[in-house]
Amino acid sequence: MHNVLSGGLAVDIDEAKIDEAVLALLYLGRHEGDRTWKGFDWDVLRRLHEAGHITNPISKAKSVVFTEKGAEASERAFRRLFCRG
């Protein structure tokens, strides 16, 4: 995916890296077991749903539920991207 950032800089955006980072950040919003707040880009949430990580984000609920696969992947991504050591 190509995108032009402010200032006219054209960059090649790696959607897989964006998806992994959002999945890791969703881990921070966990509550009530495997629920998490869905305040992220809709295209990313759609891709995470299609990959089997979260329930369908298109609903009136303000949160989604991790699948078992998604709960494990979100914790791994969080630790890899944001933890020291």
N, C-alpha and C. Protein backbone atom coordinates (compact mmCIF):
# COMPACT_ATOMS: atom_id res chain seq x y z
N MET A 1 0.85 -1.17 0.00
CA MET A 1 0.00 0.00 0.00
C MET A 1 0.89 1.24 0.00
N HIS A 2 0.65 2.13 -0.91
CA HIS A 2 1.40 3.38 -0.97
C HIS A 2 0.53 4.48 -0.38
N ASN A 3 1.18 5.38 0.31
CA ASN A 3 0.47 6.47 0.93
C ASN A 3 1.35 7.71 0.88
N VAL A 4 0.73 8.88 0.85
CA VAL A 4 1.47 10.13 0.89
C VAL A 4 1.19 10.78 2.23
N LEU A 5 2.24 10.98 3.01
CA LEU A 5 2.11 11.60 4.32
C LEU A 5 2.16 13.11 4.17
N SER A 6 1.82 13.83 5.24
CA SER A 6 1.88 15.29 5.18
C SER A 6 3.29 15.71 4.79
N GLY A 7 3.38 16.74 4.03
CA GLY A 7 4.67 17.19 3.53
C GLY A 7 5.00 16.57 2.19
N GLY A 8 4.10 15.71 1.67
CA GLY A 8 4.31 15.14 0.35
C GLY A 8 5.23 13.94 0.29
N LEU A 9 5.65 13.41 1.43
CA LEU A 9 6.55 12.25 1.45
C LEU A 9 5.77 10.99 1.11
N ALA A 10 6.13 10.34 0.01
CA ALA A 10 5.49 9.08 -0.39
C ALA A 10 6.20 7.92 0.31
N VAL A 11 5.42 7.07 0.95
CA VAL A 11 5.98 5.93 1.65
C VAL A 11 5.21 4.67 1.27
N ASP A 12 5.87 3.53 1.39
CA ASP A 12 5.25 2.24 1.14
C ASP A 12 4.87 1.65 2.50
N ILE A 13 3.58 1.65 2.81
CA ILE A 13 3.11 1.20 4.12
C ILE A 13 2.91 -0.30 4.11
N ASP A 14 3.48 -0.95 5.11
CA ASP A 14 3.35 -2.40 5.29
C ASP A 14 2.13 -2.66 6.17
N GLU A 15 1.00 -3.04 5.57
CA GLU A 15 -0.23 -3.25 6.33
C GLU A 15 -0.08 -4.35 7.37
N ALA A 16 0.74 -5.35 7.12
CA ALA A 16 0.94 -6.42 8.10
C ALA A 16 1.57 -5.87 9.38
N LYS A 17 2.50 -4.93 9.25
CA LYS A 17 3.11 -4.32 10.44
C LYS A 17 2.11 -3.45 11.19
N ILE A 18 1.27 -2.73 10.44
CA ILE A 18 0.22 -1.92 11.07
C ILE A 18 -0.73 -2.83 11.83
N ASP A 19 -1.16 -3.92 11.18
CA ASP A 19 -2.08 -4.86 11.82
C ASP A 19 -1.49 -5.45 13.09
N GLU A 20 -0.21 -5.81 13.06
CA GLU A 20 0.44 -6.38 14.25
C GLU A 20 0.51 -5.36 15.38
N ALA A 21 0.84 -4.12 15.04
CA ALA A 21 0.92 -3.08 16.07
C ALA A 21 -0.45 -2.81 16.69
N VAL A 22 -1.50 -2.75 15.88
CA VAL A 22 -2.85 -2.53 16.42
C VAL A 22 -3.26 -3.73 17.27
N LEU A 23 -2.95 -4.94 16.82
CA LEU A 23 -3.26 -6.13 17.61
C LEU A 23 -2.58 -6.06 18.97
N ALA A 24 -1.33 -5.61 18.99
CA ALA A 24 -0.60 -5.46 20.25
C ALA A 24 -1.24 -4.39 21.13
N LEU A 25 -1.67 -3.28 20.53
CA LEU A 25 -2.31 -2.22 21.30
C LEU A 25 -3.69 -2.63 21.80
N LEU A 26 -4.38 -3.47 21.05
CA LEU A 26 -5.67 -3.99 21.51
C LEU A 26 -5.47 -4.79 22.81
N TYR A 27 -4.31 -5.42 22.94
CA TYR A 27 -3.99 -6.17 24.15
C TYR A 27 -4.04 -5.27 25.39
N LEU A 28 -3.62 -4.02 25.23
CA LEU A 28 -3.64 -3.07 26.35
C LEU A 28 -5.06 -2.75 26.81
N GLY A 29 -6.01 -2.83 25.90
CA GLY A 29 -7.39 -2.48 26.23
C GLY A 29 -8.24 -3.63 26.72
N ARG A 30 -7.62 -4.76 27.02
CA ARG A 30 -8.40 -5.93 27.45
C ARG A 30 -9.13 -5.66 28.76
N HIS A 31 -10.36 -6.14 28.81
CA HIS A 31 -11.18 -6.06 30.02
C HIS A 31 -12.22 -7.17 29.96
N GLU A 32 -12.78 -7.50 31.10
CA GLU A 32 -13.81 -8.54 31.16
C GLU A 32 -13.39 -9.78 30.37
N GLY A 33 -12.23 -10.30 30.68
CA GLY A 33 -11.74 -11.49 29.97
C GLY A 33 -11.07 -11.11 28.67
N ASP A 34 -11.69 -11.50 27.57
CA ASP A 34 -11.09 -11.28 26.26
C ASP A 34 -11.74 -10.15 25.47
N ARG A 35 -12.47 -9.25 26.13
CA ARG A 35 -13.02 -8.09 25.44
C ARG A 35 -11.94 -7.01 25.34
N THR A 36 -12.01 -6.19 24.30
CA THR A 36 -11.07 -5.09 24.14
C THR A 36 -11.76 -3.95 23.40
N TRP A 37 -11.35 -2.72 23.69
CA TRP A 37 -11.95 -1.55 23.05
C TRP A 37 -11.55 -1.51 21.59
N LYS A 38 -12.48 -1.07 20.73
CA LYS A 38 -12.23 -1.12 19.28
C LYS A 38 -11.99 0.25 18.66
N GLY A 39 -11.29 1.12 19.33
CA GLY A 39 -11.07 2.48 18.84
C GLY A 39 -9.90 2.61 17.89
N PHE A 40 -9.87 1.79 16.86
CA PHE A 40 -8.79 1.84 15.87
C PHE A 40 -9.38 1.91 14.47
N ASP A 41 -8.54 2.12 13.50
CA ASP A 41 -8.92 2.22 12.10
C ASP A 41 -9.79 1.02 11.69
N TRP A 42 -10.92 1.30 11.03
CA TRP A 42 -11.86 0.24 10.65
C TRP A 42 -11.26 -0.75 9.68
N ASP A 43 -10.41 -0.31 8.76
CA ASP A 43 -9.80 -1.24 7.81
C ASP A 43 -8.90 -2.24 8.54
N VAL A 44 -8.17 -1.76 9.53
CA VAL A 44 -7.30 -2.66 10.31
C VAL A 44 -8.16 -3.65 11.10
N LEU A 45 -9.21 -3.16 11.75
CA LEU A 45 -10.09 -4.05 12.51
C LEU A 45 -10.73 -5.09 11.59
N ARG A 46 -11.11 -4.69 10.39
CA ARG A 46 -11.69 -5.64 9.42
C ARG A 46 -10.68 -6.73 9.08
N ARG A 47 -9.42 -6.33 8.82
CA ARG A 47 -8.39 -7.32 8.49
C ARG A 47 -8.12 -8.25 9.66
N LEU A 48 -8.11 -7.72 10.88
CA LEU A 48 -7.89 -8.57 12.06
C LEU A 48 -9.06 -9.55 12.23
N HIS A 49 -10.27 -9.11 11.93
CA HIS A 49 -11.43 -10.00 11.97
C HIS A 49 -11.30 -11.08 10.90
N GLU A 50 -10.95 -10.68 9.68
CA GLU A 50 -10.79 -11.65 8.58
C GLU A 50 -9.68 -12.66 8.87
N ALA A 51 -8.67 -12.25 9.64
CA ALA A 51 -7.58 -13.16 10.00
C ALA A 51 -7.95 -14.06 11.17
N GLY A 52 -9.14 -13.85 11.76
CA GLY A 52 -9.59 -14.71 12.84
C GLY A 52 -9.11 -14.30 14.22
N HIS A 53 -8.68 -13.05 14.39
CA HIS A 53 -8.16 -12.60 15.69
C HIS A 53 -9.23 -11.99 16.60
N ILE A 54 -10.26 -11.38 16.00
CA ILE A 54 -11.30 -10.71 16.80
C ILE A 54 -12.67 -11.01 16.19
N THR A 55 -13.71 -10.78 17.01
CA THR A 55 -15.07 -10.89 16.50
C THR A 55 -15.35 -9.73 15.56
N ASN A 56 -16.45 -9.80 14.86
CA ASN A 56 -16.81 -8.78 13.88
C ASN A 56 -16.92 -7.41 14.55
N PRO A 57 -16.11 -6.44 14.11
CA PRO A 57 -16.13 -5.11 14.74
C PRO A 57 -17.34 -4.27 14.34
N ILE A 58 -18.10 -4.70 13.33
CA ILE A 58 -19.24 -3.92 12.88
C ILE A 58 -20.45 -4.28 13.75
N SER A 59 -20.61 -3.50 14.81
CA SER A 59 -21.73 -3.68 15.73
C SER A 59 -21.88 -2.39 16.54
N LYS A 60 -22.92 -2.33 17.33
CA LYS A 60 -23.13 -1.16 18.18
C LYS A 60 -22.24 -1.19 19.42
N ALA A 61 -21.69 -2.36 19.73
CA ALA A 61 -20.82 -2.49 20.90
C ALA A 61 -19.55 -1.65 20.71
N LYS A 62 -19.02 -1.14 21.80
CA LYS A 62 -17.79 -0.34 21.75
C LYS A 62 -16.55 -1.19 21.89
N SER A 63 -16.75 -2.51 21.96
CA SER A 63 -15.62 -3.41 22.10
C SER A 63 -15.83 -4.63 21.22
N VAL A 64 -14.76 -5.38 21.03
CA VAL A 64 -14.80 -6.66 20.32
C VAL A 64 -14.24 -7.72 21.26
N VAL A 65 -14.36 -8.98 20.88
CA VAL A 65 -13.84 -10.07 21.69
C VAL A 65 -12.72 -10.75 20.92
N PHE A 66 -11.61 -11.00 21.61
CA PHE A 66 -10.53 -11.77 21.01
C PHE A 66 -10.97 -13.21 20.82
N THR A 67 -10.57 -13.81 19.73
CA THR A 67 -10.67 -15.26 19.59
C THR A 67 -9.51 -15.83 20.40
N GLU A 68 -9.48 -17.13 20.60
CA GLU A 68 -8.35 -17.73 21.32
C GLU A 68 -7.05 -17.43 20.57
N LYS A 69 -7.09 -17.59 19.26
CA LYS A 69 -5.92 -17.29 18.41
C LYS A 69 -5.50 -15.82 18.57
N GLY A 70 -6.48 -14.92 18.57
CA GLY A 70 -6.19 -13.49 18.67
C GLY A 70 -5.64 -13.09 20.03
N ALA A 71 -6.17 -13.70 21.10
CA ALA A 71 -5.68 -13.39 22.45
C ALA A 71 -4.20 -13.75 22.57
N GLU A 72 -3.85 -14.92 22.06
CA GLU A 72 -2.45 -15.36 22.11
C GLU A 72 -1.57 -14.49 21.22
N ALA A 73 -2.04 -14.19 20.01
CA ALA A 73 -1.24 -13.39 19.08
C ALA A 73 -1.07 -11.96 19.59
N SER A 74 -2.09 -11.40 20.23
CA SER A 74 -1.98 -10.03 20.73
C SER A 74 -0.95 -9.93 21.84
N GLU A 75 -0.94 -10.92 22.73
CA GLU A 75 0.06 -10.89 23.80
C GLU A 75 1.48 -11.05 23.25
N ARG A 76 1.65 -11.97 22.29
CA ARG A 76 2.97 -12.14 21.67
C ARG A 76 3.43 -10.85 20.99
N ALA A 77 2.53 -10.23 20.23
CA ALA A 77 2.87 -8.99 19.53
C ALA A 77 3.20 -7.89 20.52
N PHE A 78 2.42 -7.78 21.59
CA PHE A 78 2.67 -6.75 22.59
C PHE A 78 4.06 -6.94 23.21
N ARG A 79 4.37 -8.16 23.61
CA ARG A 79 5.68 -8.41 24.23
C ARG A 79 6.82 -8.15 23.24
N ARG A 80 6.65 -8.57 21.98
CA ARG A 80 7.71 -8.39 21.00
C ARG A 80 7.92 -6.92 20.66
N LEU A 81 6.84 -6.16 20.50
CA LEU A 81 6.95 -4.78 20.07
C LEU A 81 7.24 -3.78 21.18
N PHE A 82 6.76 -4.06 22.40
CA PHE A 82 6.76 -3.02 23.42
C PHE A 82 7.49 -3.35 24.73
N CYS A 83 7.93 -4.58 24.91
CA CYS A 83 8.57 -4.94 26.19
C CYS A 83 10.09 -4.97 26.04
N ARG A 84 10.76 -4.58 27.08
CA ARG A 84 12.22 -4.63 27.10
C ARG A 84 12.66 -6.02 27.54
N GLY A 85 13.84 -6.41 27.05
CA GLY A 85 14.45 -7.65 27.51
C GLY A 85 13.94 -8.85 26.95
